[in-house]
Amino acid sequence: MKYLFQFTIIVIITFLAEILVRVLPFTIPASIYGIILMFLCLFFKIVKLEHVELAADFLLQVMPIMFVPATVNLMTKWNLIKSNIVWVLVICIVSTILVMIVTGLVSQTIINIMNVERKE
């Protein structure tokens, strides 16, 4: 029963995110709206972590299985991809490096801000 309650909360937030995609004029995916909504609900204590923790842990455990359909779809599009494989690889590598750099810089900035606040 606990899992059902937790999955219901996650589904409701997902549903609200889908509604936001259709209502708001931005081209932001529903998954991003869902992450923002979940964060806000947790931050403002509308939803407590223990209300979604078990279901979220389960979803994280089965997440690799969720990539199988996308991978199979890529394999069916191989003829389109193979002519541009070099560019696909370059874009993947460059974007991964950029994400790592930006994440590191943001993390360092947050740590520095927290250290300055502690000293005051």
Protein backbone atom coordinates (compact mmCIF):
# COMPACT_ATOMS: atom_id res chain seq x y z
CA MET A 1 0.00 0.00 0.00
CA LYS A 2 2.91 2.32 0.76
CA TYR A 3 4.30 1.83 -2.77
CA LEU A 4 0.92 2.57 -4.31
CA PHE A 5 0.66 5.85 -2.38
CA GLN A 6 4.20 6.86 -3.37
CA PHE A 7 3.71 5.99 -7.03
CA THR A 8 0.44 7.94 -6.98
CA ILE A 9 2.28 11.06 -5.82
CA ILE A 10 4.87 10.65 -8.57
CA VAL A 11 2.17 10.07 -11.20
CA ILE A 12 0.24 13.15 -10.06
CA ILE A 13 3.37 15.31 -10.37
CA THR A 14 4.05 13.79 -13.80
CA PHE A 15 0.47 14.53 -14.85
CA LEU A 16 0.78 18.15 -13.65
CA ALA A 17 4.01 18.46 -15.65
CA GLU A 18 2.20 17.23 -18.77
CA ILE A 19 -0.50 19.84 -18.20
CA LEU A 20 2.18 22.56 -17.89
CA VAL A 21 3.65 21.52 -21.25
CA ARG A 22 0.31 22.06 -22.93
CA VAL A 23 -0.56 25.28 -21.08
CA LEU A 24 2.75 27.18 -21.08
CA PRO A 25 4.15 28.50 -24.36
CA PHE A 26 7.71 27.29 -23.69
CA THR A 27 9.32 24.32 -25.44
CA ILE A 28 10.44 22.64 -22.22
CA PRO A 29 9.91 18.87 -21.90
CA ALA A 30 7.44 17.57 -19.34
CA SER A 31 10.24 15.69 -17.59
CA ILE A 32 11.96 18.98 -16.75
CA TYR A 33 8.71 20.47 -15.45
CA GLY A 34 8.25 17.29 -13.41
CA ILE A 35 11.71 17.59 -11.87
CA ILE A 36 11.06 21.24 -11.01
CA LEU A 37 7.64 20.46 -9.54
CA MET A 38 9.03 17.58 -7.46
CA PHE A 39 11.88 19.77 -6.23
CA LEU A 40 9.48 22.56 -5.25
CA CYS A 41 7.15 20.11 -3.50
CA LEU A 42 10.07 18.65 -1.54
CA PHE A 43 11.66 22.04 -0.85
CA PHE A 44 8.46 23.61 0.47
CA LYS A 45 7.60 20.39 2.33
CA ILE A 46 4.37 19.89 0.41
CA VAL A 47 5.64 16.35 -0.12
CA LYS A 48 8.00 14.81 2.38
CA LEU A 49 10.94 12.75 1.15
CA GLU A 50 9.65 9.62 2.88
CA HIS A 51 6.41 9.98 0.87
CA VAL A 52 8.24 9.24 -2.41
CA GLU A 53 11.58 7.70 -1.41
CA LEU A 54 10.79 3.99 -1.82
CA ALA A 55 9.08 4.45 -5.18
CA ALA A 56 11.88 6.71 -6.42
CA ASP A 57 14.52 4.18 -5.32
CA PHE A 58 12.66 1.44 -7.18
CA LEU A 59 12.45 3.57 -10.33
CA LEU A 60 16.18 4.26 -10.13
CA GLN A 61 16.86 0.53 -9.88
CA VAL A 62 14.85 -0.27 -13.02
CA MET A 63 15.96 2.82 -14.97
CA PRO A 64 18.44 0.93 -17.20
CA ILE A 65 15.57 -1.20 -18.51
CA MET A 66 13.81 1.98 -19.61
CA PHE A 67 16.66 2.75 -22.04
CA VAL A 68 16.16 -0.47 -24.02
CA PRO A 69 13.35 0.87 -26.28
CA ALA A 70 15.35 4.01 -27.09
CA THR A 71 18.40 1.93 -27.94
CA VAL A 72 16.38 -0.38 -30.16
CA ASN A 73 14.92 2.66 -31.90
CA LEU A 74 18.45 3.94 -32.55
CA MET A 75 19.35 0.62 -34.12
CA THR A 76 16.41 0.90 -36.51
CA LYS A 77 17.66 4.34 -37.58
CA TRP A 78 21.24 3.16 -38.12
CA ASN A 79 21.20 3.99 -41.86
CA LEU A 80 20.52 7.64 -41.03
CA ILE A 81 23.06 7.75 -38.21
CA LYS A 82 26.01 6.00 -39.86
CA SER A 83 26.47 8.74 -42.46
CA ASN A 84 26.84 11.29 -39.66
CA ILE A 85 28.47 9.12 -36.98
CA VAL A 86 31.55 11.34 -36.69
CA TRP A 87 29.45 14.43 -35.98
CA VAL A 88 27.24 12.52 -33.56
CA LEU A 89 30.31 11.36 -31.62
CA VAL A 90 31.89 14.83 -31.65
CA ILE A 91 28.67 16.41 -30.38
CA CYS A 92 28.32 13.75 -27.65
CA ILE A 93 31.92 14.14 -26.47
CA VAL A 94 31.94 17.95 -26.58
CA SER A 95 28.58 18.26 -24.82
CA THR A 96 29.66 15.80 -22.13
CA ILE A 97 32.86 17.76 -21.50
CA LEU A 98 30.93 21.05 -21.38
CA VAL A 99 28.42 19.62 -18.90
CA MET A 100 31.27 18.36 -16.71
CA ILE A 101 33.00 21.76 -16.78
CA VAL A 102 29.83 23.72 -16.02
CA THR A 103 28.84 21.30 -13.24
CA GLY A 104 32.29 21.59 -11.69
CA LEU A 105 32.27 25.39 -11.86
CA VAL A 106 28.78 25.64 -10.39
CA SER A 107 29.70 23.22 -7.60
CA GLN A 108 32.87 25.15 -6.79
CA THR A 109 30.96 28.43 -6.75
CA ILE A 110 28.33 27.03 -4.38
CA ILE A 111 31.01 25.58 -2.09
CA ASN A 112 32.86 28.93 -2.05
CA ILE A 113 29.65 30.81 -1.23
CA MET A 114 28.88 28.37 1.59
CA ASN A 115 32.43 28.70 2.98
CA VAL A 116 32.20 32.51 2.95
CA GLU A 117 28.84 32.37 4.77
CA ARG A 118 30.29 30.05 7.44
CA LYS A 119 33.21 32.41 8.11
CA GLU A 120 30.89 35.36 8.68
